């Protein structure tokens, strides 16, 4: 899934046509640093039916491709691909 953008100057991010974001669940410890770093609230901490916390991609199309979540993740669990 991708986010689509044509002009994003509010966050001083380059103009991006589409962004793909994914989370490697085997590396993610659901610390929430990525969700806190995201200016668009793309990521959120969710509780599974079994009571475990996990990071969820809530607003995939709102992703700016700013890489703040990737930078905040100490486990390198987030991958973002930007398509100009």
PDB file of N, CA and C in Angstrom:
ATOM      1  N   UNK A   1       0.846  -1.175   0.000  1.00  0.00           N
ATOM      2  CA  UNK A   1       0.000   0.000   0.000  1.00  0.00           C
ATOM      3  C   UNK A   1       0.890   1.236   0.000  1.00  0.00           C
ATOM      4  N   UNK A   2       0.422   2.279  -0.617  1.00  0.00           N
ATOM      5  CA  UNK A   2       1.226   3.489  -0.707  1.00  0.00           C
ATOM      6  C   UNK A   2       0.416   4.714  -0.348  1.00  0.00           C
ATOM      7  N   UNK A   3       1.131   5.753   0.039  1.00  0.00           N
ATOM      8  CA  UNK A   3       0.536   7.071   0.216  1.00  0.00           C
ATOM      9  C   UNK A   3       0.846   7.872  -1.033  1.00  0.00           C
ATOM     10  N   UNK A   4      -0.046   8.753  -1.420  1.00  0.00           N
ATOM     11  CA  UNK A   4       0.167   9.552  -2.628  1.00  0.00           C
ATOM     12  C   UNK A   4       0.228  11.028  -2.274  1.00  0.00           C
ATOM     13  N   UNK A   5       1.237  11.714  -2.795  1.00  0.00           N
ATOM     14  CA  UNK A   5       1.411  13.119  -2.484  1.00  0.00           C
ATOM     15  C   UNK A   5       1.878  13.874  -3.720  1.00  0.00           C
ATOM     16  N   UNK A   6       1.488  15.129  -3.818  1.00  0.00           N
ATOM     17  CA  UNK A   6       1.955  15.937  -4.925  1.00  0.00           C
ATOM     18  C   UNK A   6       2.740  17.151  -4.463  1.00  0.00           C
ATOM     19  N   UNK A   7       2.435  17.718  -3.272  1.00  0.00           N
ATOM     20  CA  UNK A   7       3.147  18.881  -2.799  1.00  0.00           C
ATOM     21  C   UNK A   7       3.100  18.903  -1.280  1.00  0.00           C
ATOM     22  N   UNK A   8       4.253  18.780  -0.651  1.00  0.00           N
ATOM     23  CA  UNK A   8       4.306  18.773   0.811  1.00  0.00           C
ATOM     24  C   UNK A   8       5.392  19.738   1.248  1.00  0.00           C
ATOM     25  N   UNK A   9       5.000  20.952   1.553  1.00  0.00           N
ATOM     26  CA  UNK A   9       5.966  21.928   2.006  1.00  0.00           C
ATOM     27  C   UNK A   9       5.871  22.184   3.500  1.00  0.00           C
ATOM     28  N   UNK A  10       4.766  21.809   4.115  1.00  0.00           N
ATOM     29  CA  UNK A  10       4.525  22.074   5.532  1.00  0.00           C
ATOM     30  C   UNK A  10       5.629  21.491   6.419  1.00  0.00           C
ATOM     31  N   UNK A  11       6.153  20.337   6.082  1.00  0.00           N
ATOM     32  CA  UNK A  11       7.174  19.685   6.891  1.00  0.00           C
ATOM     33  C   UNK A  11       8.551  19.719   6.229  1.00  0.00           C
ATOM     34  N   UNK A  12       8.691  20.537   5.205  1.00  0.00           N
ATOM     35  CA  UNK A  12       9.958  20.649   4.475  1.00  0.00           C
ATOM     36  C   UNK A  12      10.458  19.301   3.977  1.00  0.00           C
ATOM     37  N   UNK A  13       9.536  18.520   3.443  1.00  0.00           N
ATOM     38  CA  UNK A  13       9.847  17.202   2.898  1.00  0.00           C
ATOM     39  C   UNK A  13       9.825  17.329   1.378  1.00  0.00           C
ATOM     40  N   UNK A  14      10.738  16.671   0.672  1.00  0.00           N
ATOM     41  CA  UNK A  14      10.725  16.743  -0.794  1.00  0.00           C
ATOM     42  C   UNK A  14       9.387  16.288  -1.369  1.00  0.00           C
ATOM     43  N   UNK A  15       9.071  16.789  -2.543  1.00  0.00           N
ATOM     44  CA  UNK A  15       7.842  16.377  -3.210  1.00  0.00           C
ATOM     45  C   UNK A  15       7.962  14.897  -3.548  1.00  0.00           C
ATOM     46  N   UNK A  16       7.005  14.121  -3.067  1.00  0.00           N
ATOM     47  CA  UNK A  16       7.025  12.673  -3.229  1.00  0.00           C
ATOM     48  C   UNK A  16       5.736  12.237  -3.903  1.00  0.00           C
ATOM     49  N   UNK A  17       5.844  11.373  -4.857  1.00  0.00           N
ATOM     50  CA  UNK A  17       4.661  10.871  -5.556  1.00  0.00           C
ATOM     51  C   UNK A  17       3.985   9.735  -4.797  1.00  0.00           C
ATOM     52  N   UNK A  18       4.769   8.829  -4.227  1.00  0.00           N
ATOM     53  CA  UNK A  18       4.170   7.750  -3.444  1.00  0.00           C
ATOM     54  C   UNK A  18       5.169   7.242  -2.412  1.00  0.00           C
ATOM     55  N   UNK A  19       4.622   6.681  -1.338  1.00  0.00           N
ATOM     56  CA  UNK A  19       5.426   6.183  -0.228  1.00  0.00           C
ATOM     57  C   UNK A  19       4.897   4.814   0.175  1.00  0.00           C
ATOM     58  N   UNK A  20       5.800   3.870   0.377  1.00  0.00           N
ATOM     59  CA  UNK A  20       5.434   2.555   0.895  1.00  0.00           C
ATOM     60  C   UNK A  20       6.052   2.410   2.275  1.00  0.00           C
ATOM     61  N   UNK A  21       5.260   1.970   3.240  1.00  0.00           N
ATOM     62  CA  UNK A  21       5.758   1.780   4.602  1.00  0.00           C
ATOM     63  C   UNK A  21       5.423   0.367   5.066  1.00  0.00           C
ATOM     64  N   UNK A  22       6.378  -0.258   5.750  1.00  0.00           N
ATOM     65  CA  UNK A  22       6.128  -1.585   6.308  1.00  0.00           C
ATOM     66  C   UNK A  22       6.858  -1.726   7.635  1.00  0.00           C
ATOM     67  N   UNK A  23       6.328  -2.591   8.487  1.00  0.00           N
ATOM     68  CA  UNK A  23       6.915  -2.850   9.798  1.00  0.00           C
ATOM     69  C   UNK A  23       7.261  -4.333   9.885  1.00  0.00           C
ATOM     70  N   UNK A  24       8.499  -4.607  10.234  1.00  0.00           N
ATOM     71  CA  UNK A  24       8.948  -5.985  10.433  1.00  0.00           C
ATOM     72  C   UNK A  24       8.574  -6.381  11.860  1.00  0.00           C
ATOM     73  N   UNK A  25       7.529  -7.169  12.000  1.00  0.00           N
ATOM     74  CA  UNK A  25       7.014  -7.515  13.333  1.00  0.00           C
ATOM     75  C   UNK A  25       7.999  -8.344  14.166  1.00  0.00           C
ATOM     76  N   UNK A  26       8.931  -9.026  13.526  1.00  0.00           N
ATOM     77  CA  UNK A  26       9.907  -9.800  14.294  1.00  0.00           C
ATOM     78  C   UNK A  26      10.970  -8.900  14.932  1.00  0.00           C
ATOM     79  N   UNK A  27      11.147  -7.696  14.412  1.00  0.00           N
ATOM     80  CA  UNK A  27      12.103  -6.743  14.979  1.00  0.00           C
ATOM     81  C   UNK A  27      11.438  -5.728  15.910  1.00  0.00           C
ATOM     82  N   UNK A  28      10.156  -5.479  15.721  1.00  0.00           N
ATOM     83  CA  UNK A  28       9.435  -4.439  16.462  1.00  0.00           C
ATOM     84  C   UNK A  28       9.122  -4.893  17.888  1.00  0.00           C
ATOM     85  N   UNK A  29       9.438  -4.026  18.870  1.00  0.00           N
ATOM     86  CA  UNK A  29       9.107  -4.336  20.260  1.00  0.00           C
ATOM     87  C   UNK A  29       7.963  -3.453  20.769  1.00  0.00           C
ATOM     88  N   UNK A  30       7.306  -2.734  19.867  1.00  0.00           N
ATOM     89  CA  UNK A  30       6.145  -1.892  20.178  1.00  0.00           C
ATOM     90  C   UNK A  30       6.443  -0.845  21.241  1.00  0.00           C
ATOM     91  N   UNK A  31       7.631  -0.253  21.191  1.00  0.00           N
ATOM     92  CA  UNK A  31       7.996   0.765  22.176  1.00  0.00           C
ATOM     93  C   UNK A  31       7.233   2.073  21.951  1.00  0.00           C
ATOM     94  N   UNK A  32       6.782   2.303  20.711  1.00  0.00           N
ATOM     95  CA  UNK A  32       5.989   3.485  20.403  1.00  0.00           C
ATOM     96  C   UNK A  32       6.786   4.691  19.961  1.00  0.00           C
ATOM     97  N   UNK A  33       8.109   4.589  19.894  1.00  0.00           N
ATOM     98  CA  UNK A  33       8.934   5.725  19.487  1.00  0.00           C
ATOM     99  C   UNK A  33       8.572   6.197  18.076  1.00  0.00           C
ATOM    100  N   UNK A  34       8.276   5.267  17.198  1.00  0.00           N
ATOM    101  CA  UNK A  34       7.934   5.618  15.821  1.00  0.00           C
ATOM    102  C   UNK A  34       6.603   6.369  15.764  1.00  0.00           C
ATOM    103  N   UNK A  35       5.633   5.912  16.531  1.00  0.00           N
ATOM    104  CA  UNK A  35       4.319   6.561  16.544  1.00  0.00           C
ATOM    105  C   UNK A  35       4.424   7.978  17.087  1.00  0.00           C
ATOM    106  N   UNK A  36       5.256   8.175  18.101  1.00  0.00           N
ATOM    107  CA  UNK A  36       5.446   9.515  18.670  1.00  0.00           C
ATOM    108  C   UNK A  36       6.169  10.438  17.702  1.00  0.00           C
ATOM    109  N   UNK A  37       7.061   9.885  16.888  1.00  0.00           N
ATOM    110  CA  UNK A  37       7.859  10.694  15.957  1.00  0.00           C
ATOM    111  C   UNK A  37       7.102  11.093  14.698  1.00  0.00           C
ATOM    112  N   UNK A  38       6.045  10.378  14.370  1.00  0.00           N
ATOM    113  CA  UNK A  38       5.329  10.605  13.109  1.00  0.00           C
ATOM    114  C   UNK A  38       4.462  11.865  13.175  1.00  0.00           C
ATOM    115  N   UNK A  39       4.713  12.852  12.304  1.00  0.00           N
ATOM    116  CA  UNK A  39       3.920  14.079  12.316  1.00  0.00           C
ATOM    117  C   UNK A  39       2.520  13.906  11.740  1.00  0.00           C
ATOM    118  N   UNK A  40       2.272  12.795  11.048  1.00  0.00           N
ATOM    119  CA  UNK A  40       0.968  12.573  10.407  1.00  0.00           C
ATOM    120  C   UNK A  40       0.116  11.519  11.109  1.00  0.00           C
ATOM    121  N   UNK A  41       0.597  11.028  12.241  1.00  0.00           N
ATOM    122  CA  UNK A  41      -0.133   9.993  12.991  1.00  0.00           C
ATOM    123  C   UNK A  41      -0.457   8.764  12.147  1.00  0.00           C
ATOM    124  N   UNK A  42       0.489   8.379  11.325  1.00  0.00           N
ATOM    125  CA  UNK A  42       0.324   7.197  10.486  1.00  0.00           C
ATOM    126  C   UNK A  42       0.364   5.927  11.327  1.00  0.00           C
ATOM    127  N   UNK A  43       1.192   5.926  12.353  1.00  0.00           N
ATOM    128  CA  UNK A  43       1.400   4.747  13.192  1.00  0.00           C
ATOM    129  C   UNK A  43       0.722   4.916  14.546  1.00  0.00           C
ATOM    130  N   UNK A  44       0.281   3.803  15.109  1.00  0.00           N
ATOM    131  CA  UNK A  44      -0.364   3.827  16.425  1.00  0.00           C
ATOM    132  C   UNK A  44      -0.047   2.538  17.168  1.00  0.00           C
ATOM    133  N   UNK A  45      -0.050   2.626  18.487  1.00  0.00           N
ATOM    134  CA  UNK A  45       0.125   1.438  19.320  1.00  0.00           C
ATOM    135  C   UNK A  45      -1.260   0.838  19.539  1.00  0.00           C
ATOM    136  N   UNK A  46      -1.410  -0.426  19.212  1.00  0.00           N
ATOM    137  CA  UNK A  46      -2.681  -1.128  19.383  1.00  0.00           C
ATOM    138  C   UNK A  46      -2.480  -2.336  20.289  1.00  0.00           C
ATOM    139  N   UNK A  47      -3.538  -2.718  20.979  1.00  0.00           N
ATOM    140  CA  UNK A  47      -3.509  -3.917  21.807  1.00  0.00           C
ATOM    141  C   UNK A  47      -4.271  -5.022  21.082  1.00  0.00           C
ATOM    142  N   UNK A  48      -3.629  -6.173  20.935  1.00  0.00           N
ATOM    143  CA  UNK A  48      -4.251  -7.305  20.248  1.00  0.00           C
ATOM    144  C   UNK A  48      -5.278  -7.960  21.183  1.00  0.00           C
ATOM    145  N   UNK A  49      -6.149  -8.815  20.652  1.00  0.00           N
ATOM    146  CA  UNK A  49      -7.105  -9.532  21.499  1.00  0.00           C
ATOM    147  C   UNK A  49      -6.438 -10.367  22.599  1.00  0.00           C
ATOM    148  N   UNK A  50      -5.167 -10.715  22.406  1.00  0.00           N
ATOM    149  CA  UNK A  50      -4.433 -11.492  23.409  1.00  0.00           C
ATOM    150  C   UNK A  50      -3.745 -10.594  24.443  1.00  0.00           C
ATOM    151  N   UNK A  51      -3.961  -9.274  24.326  1.00  0.00           N
ATOM    152  CA  UNK A  51      -3.386  -8.335  25.279  1.00  0.00           C
ATOM    153  C   UNK A  51      -1.976  -7.876  24.969  1.00  0.00           C
ATOM    154  N   UNK A  52      -1.449  -8.231  23.822  1.00  0.00           N
ATOM    155  CA  UNK A  52      -0.108  -7.819  23.424  1.00  0.00           C
ATOM    156  C   UNK A  52      -0.186  -6.488  22.689  1.00  0.00           C
ATOM    157  N   UNK A  53       0.853  -5.660  22.861  1.00  0.00           N
ATOM    158  CA  UNK A  53       0.896  -4.402  22.125  1.00  0.00           C
ATOM    159  C   UNK A  53       1.658  -4.593  20.828  1.00  0.00           C
ATOM    160  N   UNK A  54       1.224  -3.870  19.794  1.00  0.00           N
ATOM    161  CA  UNK A  54       1.920  -3.885  18.512  1.00  0.00           C
ATOM    162  C   UNK A  54       1.707  -2.545  17.838  1.00  0.00           C
ATOM    163  N   UNK A  55       2.597  -2.230  16.923  1.00  0.00           N
ATOM    164  CA  UNK A  55       2.473  -1.000  16.147  1.00  0.00           C
ATOM    165  C   UNK A  55       1.626  -1.309  14.929  1.00  0.00           C
ATOM    166  N   UNK A  56       0.676  -0.441  14.678  1.00  0.00           N
ATOM    167  CA  UNK A  56      -0.247  -0.620  13.560  1.00  0.00           C
ATOM    168  C   UNK A  56      -0.115   0.561  12.608  1.00  0.00           C
ATOM    169  N   UNK A  57      -0.171   0.279  11.315  1.00  0.00           N
ATOM    170  CA  UNK A  57      -0.181   1.338  10.311  1.00  0.00           C
ATOM    171  C   UNK A  57      -1.639   1.736  10.127  1.00  0.00           C
ATOM    172  N   UNK A  58      -2.000   2.889  10.686  1.00  0.00           N
ATOM    173  CA  UNK A  58      -3.393   3.322  10.721  1.00  0.00           C
ATOM    174  C   UNK A  58      -3.805   4.162   9.519  1.00  0.00           C
ATOM    175  N   UNK A  59      -2.923   5.047   9.087  1.00  0.00           N
ATOM    176  CA  UNK A  59      -3.258   5.988   8.005  1.00  0.00           C
ATOM    177  C   UNK A  59      -2.172   5.916   6.927  1.00  0.00           C
ATOM    178  N   UNK A  60      -2.084   4.793   6.287  1.00  0.00           N
ATOM    179  CA  UNK A  60      -1.021   4.534   5.310  1.00  0.00           C
ATOM    180  C   UNK A  60      -0.912   5.634   4.254  1.00  0.00           C
ATOM    181  N   UNK A  61      -2.029   6.137   3.782  1.00  0.00           N
ATOM    182  CA  UNK A  61      -2.006   7.144   2.714  1.00  0.00           C
ATOM    183  C   UNK A  61      -1.580   8.522   3.207  1.00  0.00           C
ATOM    184  N   UNK A  62      -1.506   8.723   4.519  1.00  0.00           N
ATOM    185  CA  UNK A  62      -1.076  10.008   5.075  1.00  0.00           C
ATOM    186  C   UNK A  62       0.441  10.091   5.246  1.00  0.00           C
ATOM    187  N   UNK A  63       1.147   9.001   4.982  1.00  0.00           N
ATOM    188  CA  UNK A  63       2.602   8.975   5.167  1.00  0.00           C
ATOM    189  C   UNK A  63       3.275   9.996   4.266  1.00  0.00           C
ATOM    190  N   UNK A  64       4.106  10.857   4.885  1.00  0.00           N
ATOM    191  CA  UNK A  64       4.839  11.884   4.158  1.00  0.00           C
ATOM    192  C   UNK A  64       6.160  11.381   3.592  1.00  0.00           C
ATOM    193  N   UNK A  65       6.628  10.257   4.100  1.00  0.00           N
ATOM    194  CA  UNK A  65       7.933   9.761   3.684  1.00  0.00           C
ATOM    195  C   UNK A  65       9.068  10.543   4.308  1.00  0.00           C
ATOM    196  N   UNK A  66       8.823  11.174   5.461  1.00  0.00           N
ATOM    197  CA  UNK A  66       9.817  12.031   6.113  1.00  0.00           C
ATOM    198  C   UNK A  66      10.909  11.235   6.832  1.00  0.00           C
ATOM    199  N   UNK A  67      10.689   9.956   7.040  1.00  0.00           N
ATOM    200  CA  UNK A  67      11.636   9.027   7.661  1.00  0.00           C
ATOM    201  C   UNK A  67      11.820   9.234   9.162  1.00  0.00           C
ATOM    202  N   UNK A  68      10.995  10.059   9.790  1.00  0.00           N
ATOM    203  CA  UNK A  68      11.128  10.291  11.233  1.00  0.00           C
ATOM    204  C   UNK A  68      10.870   9.020  12.031  1.00  0.00           C
ATOM    205  N   UNK A  69       9.905   8.225  11.609  1.00  0.00           N
ATOM    206  CA  UNK A  69       9.614   6.974  12.319  1.00  0.00           C
ATOM    207  C   UNK A  69      10.778   6.006  12.191  1.00  0.00           C
ATOM    208  N   UNK A  70      11.346   5.938  11.003  1.00  0.00           N
ATOM    209  CA  UNK A  70      12.472   5.041  10.757  1.00  0.00           C
ATOM    210  C   UNK A  70      13.675   5.440  11.605  1.00  0.00           C
ATOM    211  N   UNK A  71      13.912   6.728  11.709  1.00  0.00           N
ATOM    212  CA  UNK A  71      15.026   7.246  12.503  1.00  0.00           C
ATOM    213  C   UNK A  71      14.808   6.976  13.990  1.00  0.00           C
ATOM    214  N   UNK A  72      13.557   7.077  14.449  1.00  0.00           N
ATOM    215  CA  UNK A  72      13.235   6.875  15.864  1.00  0.00           C
ATOM    216  C   UNK A  72      13.306   5.406  16.281  1.00  0.00           C
ATOM    217  N   UNK A  73      13.156   4.500  15.340  1.00  0.00           N
ATOM    218  CA  UNK A  73      13.129   3.066  15.658  1.00  0.00           C
ATOM    219  C   UNK A  73      14.540   2.537  15.919  1.00  0.00           C
ATOM    220  N   UNK A  74      14.790   2.119  17.144  1.00  0.00           N
ATOM    221  CA  UNK A  74      16.111   1.604  17.520  1.00  0.00           C
ATOM    222  C   UNK A  74      16.350   0.183  17.022  1.00  0.00           C
ATOM    223  N   UNK A  75      15.278  -0.494  16.601  1.00  0.00           N
ATOM    224  CA  UNK A  75      15.402  -1.885  16.162  1.00  0.00           C
ATOM    225  C   UNK A  75      15.407  -2.049  14.644  1.00  0.00           C
ATOM    226  N   UNK A  76      15.392  -0.938  13.923  1.00  0.00           N
ATOM    227  CA  UNK A  76      15.365  -0.979  12.455  1.00  0.00           C
ATOM    228  C   UNK A  76      14.209  -1.830  11.939  1.00  0.00           C
ATOM    229  N   UNK A  77      13.038  -1.672  12.553  1.00  0.00           N
ATOM    230  CA  UNK A  77      11.884  -2.486  12.198  1.00  0.00           C
ATOM    231  C   UNK A  77      11.009  -1.844  11.114  1.00  0.00           C
ATOM    232  N   UNK A  78      11.293  -0.594  10.760  1.00  0.00           N
ATOM    233  CA  UNK A  78      10.448   0.116   9.796  1.00  0.00           C
ATOM    234  C   UNK A  78      11.203   0.308   8.499  1.00  0.00           C
ATOM    235  N   UNK A  79      10.523   0.049   7.406  1.00  0.00           N
ATOM    236  CA  UNK A  79      11.092   0.284   6.082  1.00  0.00           C
ATOM    237  C   UNK A  79      10.161   1.209   5.315  1.00  0.00           C
ATOM    238  N   UNK A  80      10.739   2.277   4.797  1.00  0.00           N
ATOM    239  CA  UNK A  80       9.978   3.217   3.973  1.00  0.00           C
ATOM    240  C   UNK A  80      10.656   3.319   2.620  1.00  0.00           C
ATOM    241  N   UNK A  81       9.877   3.210   1.580  1.00  0.00           N
ATOM    242  CA  UNK A  81      10.376   3.381   0.217  1.00  0.00           C
ATOM    243  C   UNK A  81       9.683   4.598  -0.358  1.00  0.00           C
ATOM    244  N   UNK A  82      10.473   5.554  -0.800  1.00  0.00           N
ATOM    245  CA  UNK A  82       9.921   6.777  -1.390  1.00  0.00           C
ATOM    246  C   UNK A  82      10.109   6.727  -2.904  1.00  0.00           C
ATOM    247  N   UNK A  83       9.040   7.023  -3.601  1.00  0.00           N
ATOM    248  CA  UNK A  83       9.059   7.033  -5.063  1.00  0.00           C
ATOM    249  C   UNK A  83       8.833   8.467  -5.519  1.00  0.00           C
ATOM    250  N   UNK A  84       9.849   9.077  -6.099  1.00  0.00           N
ATOM    251  CA  UNK A  84       9.733  10.464  -6.559  1.00  0.00           C
ATOM    252  C   UNK A  84       9.094  10.534  -7.921  1.00  0.00           C
TER     253      UNK A  84
END
